[in-house]
N, C-alpha and C. Protein backbone atom coordinates (compact mmCIF):
# COMPACT_ATOMS: atom_id res chain seq x y z
N MET A 1 -27.74 55.97 -8.62
CA MET A 1 -27.15 56.86 -9.03
C MET A 1 -28.09 58.34 -9.36
N PHE A 2 -27.24 59.38 -9.59
CA PHE A 2 -27.83 60.66 -9.27
C PHE A 2 -29.29 61.24 -10.28
N ASP A 3 -29.65 61.91 -9.38
CA ASP A 3 -31.22 62.32 -10.58
C ASP A 3 -30.91 62.99 -11.34
N ALA A 4 -30.02 63.87 -11.62
CA ALA A 4 -29.82 64.82 -12.85
C ALA A 4 -28.53 65.05 -12.72
N ALA A 5 -27.99 65.59 -13.72
CA ALA A 5 -26.44 66.04 -14.30
C ALA A 5 -26.74 67.36 -14.65
N VAL A 6 -25.42 67.95 -14.53
CA VAL A 6 -25.23 69.77 -15.06
C VAL A 6 -23.73 69.82 -15.25
N ALA A 7 -23.64 70.15 -16.57
CA ALA A 7 -21.94 70.33 -16.92
C ALA A 7 -21.44 71.38 -18.09
N ARG A 8 -20.80 72.24 -17.49
CA ARG A 8 -20.72 73.69 -18.45
C ARG A 8 -20.10 73.87 -19.26
N VAL A 9 -19.15 72.99 -19.77
CA VAL A 9 -18.54 72.61 -20.79
C VAL A 9 -18.18 71.32 -21.08
N ASP A 10 -17.79 70.68 -22.45
CA ASP A 10 -16.67 69.63 -22.75
C ASP A 10 -15.47 69.72 -22.18
N TYR A 11 -15.15 68.79 -21.80
CA TYR A 11 -13.59 68.65 -21.45
C TYR A 11 -13.10 68.34 -22.17
N ARG A 12 -12.73 69.40 -22.98
CA ARG A 12 -11.38 69.25 -24.42
C ARG A 12 -11.05 70.58 -24.57
N ARG A 13 -10.04 70.77 -25.40
CA ARG A 13 -9.27 71.91 -25.65
C ARG A 13 -10.71 73.20 -25.38
N PRO A 14 -9.93 74.47 -25.14
CA PRO A 14 -9.15 74.59 -23.78
C PRO A 14 -9.53 74.83 -22.65
N TRP A 15 -10.48 74.09 -22.60
CA TRP A 15 -11.15 73.84 -21.12
C TRP A 15 -10.18 72.56 -20.27
N ASP A 16 -9.81 71.44 -20.95
CA ASP A 16 -9.26 70.55 -19.77
C ASP A 16 -7.95 71.31 -19.55
N GLN A 17 -7.32 71.94 -20.72
CA GLN A 17 -5.48 73.03 -20.26
C GLN A 17 -6.21 73.79 -18.94
N VAL A 18 -7.36 74.42 -18.91
CA VAL A 18 -7.62 75.20 -17.99
C VAL A 18 -8.04 74.43 -16.32
N VAL A 19 -8.58 73.50 -16.77
CA VAL A 19 -8.87 72.56 -15.45
C VAL A 19 -7.80 72.43 -14.79
N ALA A 20 -7.09 71.73 -15.91
CA ALA A 20 -5.61 71.19 -15.37
C ALA A 20 -4.46 72.06 -14.46
N ALA A 21 -4.58 73.28 -14.89
CA ALA A 21 -4.03 74.19 -13.98
C ALA A 21 -4.73 74.59 -12.94
N PHE A 22 -6.22 74.67 -13.36
CA PHE A 22 -6.98 74.58 -11.51
C PHE A 22 -6.35 73.76 -10.80
N LYS A 23 -6.29 72.52 -11.12
CA LYS A 23 -6.64 71.29 -10.26
C LYS A 23 -5.27 70.88 -9.66
N PHE A 24 -4.05 70.94 -10.60
CA PHE A 24 -3.37 70.19 -10.56
C PHE A 24 -1.49 71.07 -10.34
N HIS A 25 -1.99 72.82 -10.69
CA HIS A 25 -1.10 73.43 -10.52
C HIS A 25 -1.48 74.42 -9.93
N ASP A 26 -2.24 74.41 -8.53
CA ASP A 26 -2.14 75.67 -7.74
C ASP A 26 -2.83 77.11 -8.15
N ALA A 27 -3.92 76.77 -9.25
CA ALA A 27 -4.45 78.18 -10.01
C ALA A 27 -5.70 78.24 -9.63
N LEU A 28 -5.57 78.34 -8.05
CA LEU A 28 -6.94 78.71 -7.50
C LEU A 28 -7.70 80.26 -8.03
N ASP A 29 -6.89 81.19 -8.22
CA ASP A 29 -7.29 82.28 -9.26
C ASP A 29 -8.24 82.33 -10.22
N LEU A 30 -8.61 80.73 -10.82
CA LEU A 30 -9.40 80.13 -12.01
C LEU A 30 -10.59 79.81 -11.17
N ALA A 31 -10.82 79.48 -9.90
CA ALA A 31 -11.47 79.08 -8.85
C ALA A 31 -13.27 79.86 -9.22
N GLY A 32 -12.70 81.35 -9.15
CA GLY A 32 -14.35 82.10 -9.05
C GLY A 32 -14.53 81.84 -10.33
N ALA A 33 -14.13 82.24 -11.60
CA ALA A 33 -14.58 82.08 -12.83
C ALA A 33 -15.17 80.73 -13.61
N LEU A 34 -14.57 80.22 -13.20
CA LEU A 34 -15.12 78.28 -13.04
C LEU A 34 -16.14 78.23 -12.61
N ALA A 35 -16.60 78.57 -11.15
CA ALA A 35 -17.78 78.34 -10.25
C ALA A 35 -18.60 79.40 -10.81
N SER A 36 -18.40 80.86 -11.30
CA SER A 36 -19.60 81.55 -11.72
C SER A 36 -20.24 80.68 -12.97
N GLY A 37 -19.51 80.08 -13.99
CA GLY A 37 -19.84 79.43 -15.09
C GLY A 37 -20.66 77.91 -15.00
N LEU A 38 -20.17 77.51 -13.79
CA LEU A 38 -20.99 76.42 -13.62
C LEU A 38 -22.45 77.03 -13.13
N ALA A 39 -22.11 77.86 -11.92
CA ALA A 39 -23.54 78.62 -11.37
C ALA A 39 -24.34 79.22 -12.13
N ASP A 40 -23.82 79.39 -13.71
CA ASP A 40 -24.97 79.92 -14.87
C ASP A 40 -25.37 78.85 -15.48
N ALA A 41 -24.45 77.29 -15.48
CA ALA A 41 -24.97 76.54 -16.17
C ALA A 41 -26.34 75.80 -15.46
N VAL A 42 -26.39 75.84 -14.06
CA VAL A 42 -27.12 75.03 -13.41
C VAL A 42 -28.48 76.06 -13.09
N GLY A 43 -28.42 77.23 -13.08
CA GLY A 43 -29.65 78.25 -13.13
C GLY A 43 -30.78 77.54 -11.94
N THR A 44 -31.77 77.65 -12.56
CA THR A 44 -33.07 76.84 -11.84
C THR A 44 -33.24 75.99 -11.32
N ALA A 45 -31.79 75.03 -11.84
CA ALA A 45 -32.02 73.79 -11.42
C ALA A 45 -31.39 74.01 -9.85
N GLY A 46 -31.04 74.90 -9.60
CA GLY A 46 -29.89 74.90 -8.21
C GLY A 46 -30.60 75.22 -7.18
N ASP A 47 -31.85 75.12 -6.99
CA ASP A 47 -32.59 74.60 -5.76
C ASP A 47 -32.77 73.73 -4.82
N VAL A 48 -31.27 73.94 -4.36
CA VAL A 48 -31.05 72.69 -3.66
C VAL A 48 -31.12 72.91 -1.99
N ASP A 49 -31.32 71.84 -1.24
CA ASP A 49 -30.59 72.00 0.35
C ASP A 49 -29.66 72.23 0.83
N ALA A 50 -28.40 71.79 0.08
CA ALA A 50 -27.14 72.12 0.11
C ALA A 50 -26.43 71.28 -0.80
N VAL A 51 -25.19 71.85 -1.31
CA VAL A 51 -23.99 71.92 -2.08
C VAL A 51 -22.91 71.28 -0.97
N VAL A 52 -22.45 70.34 -1.65
CA VAL A 52 -21.33 69.36 -0.91
C VAL A 52 -20.38 69.14 -2.35
N PRO A 53 -18.69 69.29 -1.58
CA PRO A 53 -17.78 68.68 -2.60
C PRO A 53 -17.50 67.69 -2.65
N VAL A 54 -17.05 66.64 -3.70
CA VAL A 54 -16.36 65.63 -3.42
C VAL A 54 -15.50 65.55 -2.51
N PRO A 55 -15.14 64.95 -1.33
CA PRO A 55 -14.59 64.68 -0.46
C PRO A 55 -12.87 63.97 -1.03
N LEU A 56 -11.79 64.62 -1.12
CA LEU A 56 -10.31 64.19 -1.43
C LEU A 56 -10.14 63.29 -0.52
N ALA A 57 -9.26 61.89 -0.40
CA ALA A 57 -8.38 61.58 0.32
C ALA A 57 -7.76 62.55 1.13
N ALA A 58 -7.35 62.14 2.51
CA ALA A 58 -5.84 63.12 2.88
C ALA A 58 -5.57 63.11 2.61
N ALA A 59 -4.41 62.32 2.09
CA ALA A 59 -3.01 62.18 1.46
C ALA A 59 -3.13 63.18 0.31
N ARG A 60 -4.24 62.80 -0.23
CA ARG A 60 -4.18 63.84 -1.81
C ARG A 60 -4.24 65.08 -1.07
N LEU A 61 -5.60 65.41 -0.29
CA LEU A 61 -5.84 66.96 0.14
C LEU A 61 -3.95 67.52 0.62
N ARG A 62 -3.02 66.81 1.70
CA ARG A 62 -2.23 67.47 2.12
C ARG A 62 -1.13 67.49 0.85
N GLU A 63 -1.45 66.80 -0.63
CA GLU A 63 -0.30 66.64 -1.62
C GLU A 63 -0.66 68.22 -2.20
N ARG A 64 -2.16 68.30 -2.32
CA ARG A 64 -2.43 69.48 -3.59
C ARG A 64 -2.73 70.73 -2.70
N GLY A 65 -3.17 70.44 -1.41
CA GLY A 65 -3.18 71.79 -0.49
C GLY A 65 -4.79 72.19 -0.49
N TYR A 66 -5.51 71.79 -1.16
CA TYR A 66 -6.39 72.43 -1.42
C TYR A 66 -7.76 71.41 -2.23
N ASN A 67 -9.22 71.27 -2.12
CA ASN A 67 -9.40 70.46 -2.75
C ASN A 67 -10.66 71.29 -3.68
N GLN A 68 -10.49 70.98 -5.00
CA GLN A 68 -10.68 71.71 -5.98
C GLN A 68 -12.03 71.91 -6.18
N ALA A 69 -13.05 70.18 -5.92
CA ALA A 69 -14.49 70.46 -5.55
C ALA A 69 -14.71 71.72 -4.74
N TRP A 70 -14.34 71.75 -3.32
CA TRP A 70 -14.94 72.52 -2.47
C TRP A 70 -14.75 74.07 -3.08
N GLU A 71 -13.65 74.17 -3.81
CA GLU A 71 -13.49 75.68 -3.90
C GLU A 71 -14.78 75.79 -4.97
N LEU A 72 -14.92 75.06 -5.65
CA LEU A 72 -16.25 75.24 -6.90
C LEU A 72 -17.52 75.08 -6.02
N ALA A 73 -17.34 74.36 -5.28
CA ALA A 73 -18.54 73.97 -4.50
C ALA A 73 -19.03 75.28 -3.57
N ARG A 74 -18.06 75.74 -2.65
CA ARG A 74 -18.50 77.07 -1.99
C ARG A 74 -19.10 78.40 -2.57
N ARG A 75 -18.34 78.50 -3.88
CA ARG A 75 -18.16 79.43 -5.05
C ARG A 75 -19.76 79.58 -5.79
N VAL A 76 -20.27 78.41 -6.10
CA VAL A 76 -21.17 78.46 -6.72
C VAL A 76 -22.31 78.29 -5.55
N ALA A 77 -22.56 77.67 -4.78
CA ALA A 77 -23.66 77.23 -3.30
C ALA A 77 -23.88 79.23 -3.26
N SER A 78 -22.45 79.95 -3.16
CA SER A 78 -22.66 81.17 -3.12
C SER A 78 -23.61 82.42 -3.89
N ARG A 79 -23.20 81.84 -4.88
CA ARG A 79 -23.81 82.12 -6.20
C ARG A 79 -25.67 82.09 -6.43
N LEU A 80 -25.59 80.82 -5.71
CA LEU A 80 -26.92 80.37 -5.77
C LEU A 80 -28.16 80.76 -4.53
N GLY A 81 -27.19 80.90 -3.75
CA GLY A 81 -27.77 81.22 -2.58
C GLY A 81 -28.34 79.96 -2.03
N ALA A 82 -27.64 79.16 -1.70
CA ALA A 82 -27.44 77.67 -1.25
C ALA A 82 -27.08 77.54 -0.39
N PRO A 83 -26.89 76.83 0.82
CA PRO A 83 -25.88 76.36 1.67
C PRO A 83 -25.26 75.52 1.32
N ALA A 84 -23.78 75.79 1.62
CA ALA A 84 -22.35 74.68 1.15
C ALA A 84 -22.22 73.90 2.25
N ASP A 85 -21.42 72.56 2.07
CA ASP A 85 -21.05 72.07 3.26
C ASP A 85 -20.31 71.04 3.02
N ALA A 86 -19.24 71.30 3.33
CA ALA A 86 -17.88 70.34 3.45
C ALA A 86 -17.68 69.48 4.23
N GLY A 87 -18.64 69.08 5.17
CA GLY A 87 -18.43 67.55 5.86
C GLY A 87 -19.60 67.48 5.87
N LEU A 88 -20.34 67.05 5.33
CA LEU A 88 -21.63 66.15 4.73
C LEU A 88 -20.72 64.88 4.74
N LEU A 89 -20.18 64.78 4.00
CA LEU A 89 -19.53 63.44 3.19
C LEU A 89 -17.90 63.16 3.47
N VAL A 90 -17.56 62.33 3.59
CA VAL A 90 -16.42 61.69 3.98
C VAL A 90 -15.93 60.56 3.12
N ARG A 91 -14.41 60.62 3.04
CA ARG A 91 -14.03 59.63 2.24
C ARG A 91 -13.46 58.80 3.01
N ILE A 92 -13.70 57.32 2.91
CA ILE A 92 -13.11 56.18 4.22
C ILE A 92 -12.09 55.55 3.56
N ARG A 93 -11.74 55.90 2.51
CA ARG A 93 -10.47 54.49 1.95
C ARG A 93 -10.14 55.67 0.98
N GLU A 94 -8.68 55.58 0.58
CA GLU A 94 -7.87 56.10 -0.48
C GLU A 94 -8.16 55.28 -1.44
N THR A 95 -7.91 55.65 -2.82
CA THR A 95 -8.29 55.24 -4.02
C THR A 95 -7.01 55.78 -4.71
N THR A 96 -6.97 54.53 -6.16
CA THR A 96 -6.25 55.35 -7.27
C THR A 96 -6.81 56.36 -7.96
N HIS A 97 -5.90 57.21 -8.45
CA HIS A 97 -6.20 57.96 -9.24
C HIS A 97 -7.52 57.76 -10.51
N GLN A 98 -8.37 58.49 -10.37
CA GLN A 98 -9.20 57.68 -11.50
C GLN A 98 -8.84 57.68 -12.85
N LEU A 99 -8.06 58.93 -13.15
CA LEU A 99 -7.06 58.96 -14.25
C LEU A 99 -6.17 57.78 -14.65
N ASP A 100 -5.61 57.35 -13.76
CA ASP A 100 -4.80 56.23 -14.18
C ASP A 100 -5.26 54.64 -14.54
N LEU A 101 -7.12 54.70 -14.18
CA LEU A 101 -7.37 53.67 -14.83
C LEU A 101 -8.39 53.44 -16.03
N PRO A 102 -8.60 52.63 -16.35
CA PRO A 102 -9.63 52.27 -17.71
C PRO A 102 -10.88 52.54 -17.31
N HIS A 103 -11.92 53.02 -18.25
CA HIS A 103 -12.86 53.58 -17.83
C HIS A 103 -13.45 52.15 -17.22
N GLU A 104 -13.96 51.26 -17.49
CA GLU A 104 -14.52 50.08 -17.16
C GLU A 104 -13.70 49.55 -15.32
N ALA A 105 -12.57 50.34 -15.38
CA ALA A 105 -12.26 49.54 -13.40
C ALA A 105 -12.83 50.75 -12.61
N ARG A 106 -13.13 51.80 -13.14
CA ARG A 106 -13.56 53.18 -12.27
C ARG A 106 -14.50 52.86 -11.23
N ALA A 107 -15.62 52.40 -11.63
CA ALA A 107 -16.75 52.04 -10.36
C ALA A 107 -16.49 51.15 -9.30
N GLY A 108 -15.41 50.65 -10.07
CA GLY A 108 -14.95 49.15 -8.61
C GLY A 108 -13.89 49.95 -7.68
N ASN A 109 -13.09 51.19 -8.27
CA ASN A 109 -12.40 51.67 -7.48
C ASN A 109 -12.85 52.59 -6.82
N VAL A 110 -13.77 53.33 -6.84
CA VAL A 110 -14.63 54.02 -5.81
C VAL A 110 -15.73 53.63 -4.93
N ARG A 111 -15.72 52.31 -5.12
CA ARG A 111 -17.18 51.29 -4.46
C ARG A 111 -16.83 51.31 -3.15
N GLY A 112 -17.39 51.97 -2.28
CA GLY A 112 -17.19 51.99 -0.65
C GLY A 112 -16.13 52.54 -0.33
N ALA A 113 -15.83 54.19 -1.17
CA ALA A 113 -14.84 55.12 -1.04
C ALA A 113 -15.35 56.31 0.15
N PHE A 114 -16.43 56.17 -0.10
CA PHE A 114 -17.32 57.47 0.59
C PHE A 114 -18.19 57.15 1.88
N ALA A 115 -18.74 58.33 2.38
CA ALA A 115 -19.57 57.87 3.52
C ALA A 115 -20.15 59.38 3.97
N VAL A 116 -21.58 59.37 4.56
CA VAL A 116 -22.11 60.42 4.78
C VAL A 116 -21.64 60.54 6.44
N GLU A 117 -21.18 61.63 7.08
CA GLU A 117 -20.15 61.98 7.87
C GLU A 117 -21.46 60.98 9.25
N PRO A 118 -21.12 60.10 9.94
CA PRO A 118 -22.05 59.51 10.74
C PRO A 118 -22.82 60.16 11.88
N MET A 119 -22.17 61.30 12.20
CA MET A 119 -23.16 62.32 13.18
C MET A 119 -24.12 63.15 12.55
N ARG A 120 -23.95 63.13 11.02
CA ARG A 120 -24.78 64.11 10.38
C ARG A 120 -25.75 63.38 9.29
N ARG A 121 -26.00 62.37 9.44
CA ARG A 121 -26.96 61.11 8.95
C ARG A 121 -28.79 62.21 9.08
N ALA A 122 -28.83 62.89 10.26
CA ALA A 122 -30.22 63.11 10.13
C ALA A 122 -30.34 64.50 9.12
N ASP A 123 -29.08 65.28 8.93
CA ASP A 123 -28.82 66.19 8.01
C ASP A 123 -29.24 65.97 6.46
N VAL A 124 -28.94 64.44 6.09
CA VAL A 124 -29.16 63.74 4.91
C VAL A 124 -30.63 63.94 4.68
N HIS A 125 -31.58 63.34 5.44
CA HIS A 125 -32.66 62.54 5.30
C HIS A 125 -33.95 63.50 4.54
N GLY A 126 -34.52 63.48 3.78
CA GLY A 126 -35.36 64.34 2.41
C GLY A 126 -34.82 65.38 2.02
N ARG A 127 -33.65 65.30 2.26
CA ARG A 127 -33.12 66.76 1.70
C ARG A 127 -32.59 66.55 -0.25
N ARG A 128 -32.57 67.32 -0.59
CA ARG A 128 -31.89 67.76 -1.82
C ARG A 128 -30.71 68.48 -1.76
N ILE A 129 -29.53 67.35 -2.46
CA ILE A 129 -28.11 67.78 -2.45
C ILE A 129 -27.90 68.27 -3.84
N ALA A 130 -26.66 68.73 -3.67
CA ALA A 130 -26.14 68.71 -5.39
C ALA A 130 -24.63 68.74 -4.94
N VAL A 131 -23.64 67.58 -5.62
CA VAL A 131 -22.65 67.30 -5.42
C VAL A 131 -21.67 68.02 -6.39
N VAL A 132 -20.89 68.67 -5.94
CA VAL A 132 -19.70 69.12 -7.12
C VAL A 132 -18.60 68.80 -7.17
N ASP A 133 -18.30 68.60 -8.38
CA ASP A 133 -16.95 68.15 -8.57
C ASP A 133 -16.04 68.79 -9.99
N ASP A 134 -14.97 69.08 -10.44
CA ASP A 134 -14.60 69.74 -11.52
C ASP A 134 -15.29 68.79 -12.84
N VAL A 135 -14.31 67.80 -12.83
CA VAL A 135 -14.87 66.84 -14.05
C VAL A 135 -15.40 65.69 -13.72
N MET A 136 -16.68 65.60 -14.71
CA MET A 136 -16.79 63.67 -14.75
C MET A 136 -16.62 63.16 -15.99
N THR A 137 -16.33 61.83 -16.01
CA THR A 137 -15.84 61.39 -17.10
C THR A 137 -16.50 60.42 -17.43
N THR A 138 -16.98 59.17 -16.41
CA THR A 138 -17.43 57.81 -16.17
C THR A 138 -18.64 58.20 -15.37
N GLY A 139 -18.65 59.16 -14.22
CA GLY A 139 -19.75 59.36 -13.78
C GLY A 139 -19.54 58.34 -12.17
N SER A 140 -18.45 57.62 -12.35
CA SER A 140 -18.47 56.87 -11.51
C SER A 140 -18.49 57.26 -9.91
N THR A 141 -17.66 58.07 -9.87
CA THR A 141 -17.62 59.08 -8.45
C THR A 141 -18.78 59.30 -7.90
N LEU A 142 -19.17 59.95 -9.15
CA LEU A 142 -20.57 60.96 -8.59
C LEU A 142 -21.88 60.11 -8.64
N GLY A 143 -21.65 58.63 -9.21
CA GLY A 143 -22.76 57.53 -8.52
C GLY A 143 -22.55 57.21 -7.52
N GLU A 144 -21.31 57.24 -7.28
CA GLU A 144 -21.04 56.30 -5.48
C GLU A 144 -21.60 57.02 -4.78
N ILE A 145 -21.45 58.31 -5.07
CA ILE A 145 -21.52 59.50 -3.83
C ILE A 145 -23.18 59.20 -3.79
N ALA A 146 -23.60 59.52 -4.85
CA ALA A 146 -25.48 59.22 -5.05
C ALA A 146 -25.62 58.38 -4.33
N THR A 147 -25.32 56.97 -4.18
CA THR A 147 -25.62 56.18 -4.19
C THR A 147 -26.00 56.44 -2.20
N VAL A 148 -24.58 56.51 -1.66
CA VAL A 148 -24.53 56.95 -0.47
C VAL A 148 -25.53 57.67 0.04
N LEU A 149 -25.28 58.75 -0.51
CA LEU A 149 -26.44 59.60 -0.10
C LEU A 149 -28.30 59.22 -0.53
N LYS A 150 -28.52 58.71 -0.92
CA LYS A 150 -30.06 57.72 -1.08
C LYS A 150 -30.03 57.38 -0.13
N GLN A 151 -28.96 56.11 0.38
CA GLN A 151 -29.20 55.35 1.47
C GLN A 151 -29.26 55.62 2.84
N ALA A 152 -28.68 57.20 2.56
CA ALA A 152 -29.07 57.69 3.48
C ALA A 152 -29.80 58.31 4.08
N GLY A 153 -30.60 58.88 2.73
CA GLY A 153 -32.34 59.05 2.73
C GLY A 153 -32.51 60.50 1.99
N ALA A 154 -31.44 60.81 1.04
CA ALA A 154 -31.76 62.13 0.54
C ALA A 154 -32.51 61.71 -0.52
N SER A 155 -33.69 62.89 -1.03
CA SER A 155 -34.61 62.51 -1.50
C SER A 155 -34.37 62.73 -3.13
N GLU A 156 -33.05 63.35 -3.43
CA GLU A 156 -32.69 64.13 -4.57
C GLU A 156 -31.30 64.21 -4.76
N VAL A 157 -30.45 63.92 -5.57
CA VAL A 157 -29.19 64.03 -5.51
C VAL A 157 -28.60 64.15 -6.73
N SER A 158 -28.12 65.64 -7.09
CA SER A 158 -27.73 65.95 -8.17
C SER A 158 -26.46 66.11 -8.72
N ALA A 159 -25.81 65.81 -9.46
CA ALA A 159 -24.45 66.25 -9.68
C ALA A 159 -24.07 67.46 -10.79
N TRP A 160 -23.31 68.44 -10.29
CA TRP A 160 -22.81 69.43 -11.03
C TRP A 160 -21.26 69.58 -11.28
N VAL A 161 -20.71 69.76 -12.26
CA VAL A 161 -19.60 69.32 -12.44
C VAL A 161 -19.04 70.92 -13.75
N PHE A 162 -17.91 70.96 -13.76
CA PHE A 162 -17.23 72.06 -14.70
C PHE A 162 -17.78 71.70 -15.93
N ALA A 163 -16.67 70.41 -15.93
CA ALA A 163 -16.50 69.50 -17.45
C ALA A 163 -16.99 68.48 -17.35
N ARG A 164 -17.25 68.05 -18.43
CA ARG A 164 -18.03 66.56 -18.75
C ARG A 164 -17.39 66.12 -19.89
N THR A 165 -16.51 65.01 -19.43
CA THR A 165 -16.07 64.54 -20.95
C THR A 165 -17.08 63.60 -21.85
N PRO A 166 -16.98 64.22 -23.29
CA PRO A 166 -17.46 63.35 -24.05
C PRO A 166 -17.76 62.30 -24.29
N PRO A 167 -18.66 61.43 -24.56
CA PRO A 167 -18.83 60.18 -24.92
C PRO A 167 -17.65 59.70 -25.80
N PRO A 168 -17.48 58.07 -25.96
CA PRO A 168 -16.42 57.82 -26.51
C PRO A 168 -16.99 58.12 -28.35
N GLY A 169 -16.65 58.69 -29.26
CA GLY A 169 -16.82 58.75 -30.37
C GLY A 169 -17.61 60.18 -30.72
N ASP A 170 -17.52 61.07 -29.80
CA ASP A 170 -18.25 62.33 -29.85
C ASP A 170 -17.30 63.33 -29.65
N GLU A 171 -16.12 62.86 -29.94
CA GLU A 171 -14.83 63.94 -29.63
C GLU A 171 -14.40 64.30 -31.09
């Protein structure tokens, strides 16, 4: 599991609509503002060795045309003066959209879906890595990636997201 998590906003109105526009409706013009807000939220916790995006499956990347996590990660890293690295992690199998699953099925859906790029394992050892995504609901995806990075020798893994779904009952 990840060592720390930072979220800029709760995933509720109006932010749910803003994130949906960014993620599903080609509103890439929002990337800078979302990343700026996330970088502000991260602040001094941004002292990391690498900022990496949650990798998309190849089919989803072709469908969408961009990886929204990379669009955020590279801009956040630039604001914080940290290196961004889109090639450190790979998605090794397609998964069902997490949105389509009940919360209790999400961890199983992403188990075994990610890996450190085999030729890059040495780039992980002993490093502090921040994993960026647009939204965290259950934390399953980010938790799975943190496990993969820790198994490869990362010393610390943080989850940075623009929006966090409030816990049930806190809506």
